[in-house]
């Protein structure tokens, strides 16, 4: 049985109790970001959720793959034209 949240295009409601000072702060930040309160809060919540999940992502490797990964990390980059061009470029903050 499909629930309203499972139906494409449908939205669920999220109610929050919030102190007036915090609501004012969020409204001010949303305004200078060119967003409404809902979009601002959803963007911030989505970003925080993605960060929380990514910070806890576990990658499992067999010992050989792990050793190869560590070896690649420990190997200094090989000089190439792109690296040389980057090193020759002027520093934008030094102009």
Protein backbone atom coordinates (compact mmCIF):
# COMPACT_ATOMS: atom_id res chain seq x y z
CA UNK A 1 0.00 0.00 0.00
CA UNK A 2 1.48 3.33 -1.06
CA UNK A 3 1.68 6.10 1.48
CA UNK A 4 1.44 9.75 0.47
CA UNK A 5 5.21 10.11 0.73
CA UNK A 6 5.70 7.19 -1.70
CA UNK A 7 3.60 8.77 -4.44
CA UNK A 8 5.62 10.69 -7.03
CA UNK A 9 5.16 14.44 -6.85
CA UNK A 10 3.62 14.36 -3.38
CA UNK A 11 5.11 16.22 -0.46
CA UNK A 12 4.95 15.48 3.23
CA UNK A 13 4.56 18.08 5.93
CA UNK A 14 7.25 18.75 8.53
CA UNK A 15 6.21 20.90 11.49
CA UNK A 16 8.73 22.55 13.76
CA UNK A 17 8.47 24.48 16.98
CA UNK A 18 11.03 27.25 16.96
CA UNK A 19 12.01 30.19 19.14
CA UNK A 20 11.16 33.56 17.58
CA UNK A 21 14.81 34.67 17.64
CA UNK A 22 15.92 31.61 15.68
CA UNK A 23 13.07 32.03 13.21
CA UNK A 24 14.13 35.62 12.67
CA UNK A 25 17.73 34.56 12.10
CA UNK A 26 16.65 31.92 9.58
CA UNK A 27 14.35 34.39 7.82
CA UNK A 28 17.16 36.93 7.56
CA UNK A 29 19.60 34.34 6.16
CA UNK A 30 16.98 33.04 3.74
CA UNK A 31 16.25 36.55 2.53
CA UNK A 32 19.87 37.42 1.78
CA UNK A 33 20.21 34.03 0.06
CA UNK A 34 17.26 34.82 -2.19
CA UNK A 35 15.24 31.91 -0.82
CA UNK A 36 12.07 31.53 1.16
CA UNK A 37 12.22 30.07 4.66
CA UNK A 38 11.14 26.58 3.58
CA UNK A 39 13.68 26.29 0.77
CA UNK A 40 16.45 27.65 3.00
CA UNK A 41 15.69 25.18 5.79
CA UNK A 42 15.36 22.24 3.38
CA UNK A 43 18.67 23.08 1.67
CA UNK A 44 20.43 23.36 5.03
CA UNK A 45 18.86 20.15 6.33
CA UNK A 46 19.70 18.25 3.13
CA UNK A 47 23.31 19.42 3.28
CA UNK A 48 23.62 18.47 6.95
CA UNK A 49 22.03 15.05 6.29
CA UNK A 50 24.36 14.32 3.37
CA UNK A 51 27.39 15.35 5.43
CA UNK A 52 26.31 13.20 8.38
CA UNK A 53 25.84 10.17 6.15
CA UNK A 54 29.04 10.68 4.16
CA UNK A 55 31.06 11.12 7.36
CA UNK A 56 29.97 7.65 8.40
CA UNK A 57 30.45 5.85 5.10
CA UNK A 58 32.54 2.73 5.48
CA UNK A 59 34.50 1.31 2.59
CA UNK A 60 35.55 -2.30 3.05
CA UNK A 61 38.57 -3.55 1.11
CA UNK A 62 40.37 -6.85 1.10
CA UNK A 63 44.00 -6.61 2.35
CA UNK A 64 45.49 -6.52 -1.16
CA UNK A 65 43.20 -3.72 -2.33
CA UNK A 66 43.89 -1.77 0.87
CA UNK A 67 47.65 -2.13 0.40
CA UNK A 68 47.34 -0.94 -3.21
CA UNK A 69 45.25 2.03 -2.08
CA UNK A 70 47.79 3.03 0.58
CA UNK A 71 50.64 2.64 -1.92
CA UNK A 72 48.85 5.02 -4.34
CA UNK A 73 48.38 7.55 -1.55
CA UNK A 74 52.05 7.34 -0.60
CA UNK A 75 53.30 7.69 -4.18
CA UNK A 76 54.18 11.28 -5.03
CA UNK A 77 52.54 12.65 -8.17
CA UNK A 78 54.54 12.22 -11.35
CA UNK A 79 55.45 15.50 -13.02
CA UNK A 80 53.38 16.17 -16.11
CA UNK A 81 52.60 19.20 -18.24
CA UNK A 82 49.42 20.06 -16.35
CA UNK A 83 51.26 20.00 -13.01
CA UNK A 84 54.13 22.08 -14.43
CA UNK A 85 51.67 24.65 -15.83
CA UNK A 86 49.92 24.88 -12.46
CA UNK A 87 53.20 25.41 -10.63
CA UNK A 88 54.23 28.16 -13.09
CA UNK A 89 50.90 30.01 -12.79
CA UNK A 90 50.89 33.28 -10.90
CA UNK A 91 49.14 33.28 -7.55
CA UNK A 92 45.82 35.14 -7.84
CA UNK A 93 46.15 36.54 -4.32
CA UNK A 94 49.72 37.77 -4.95
CA UNK A 95 48.80 40.17 -7.79
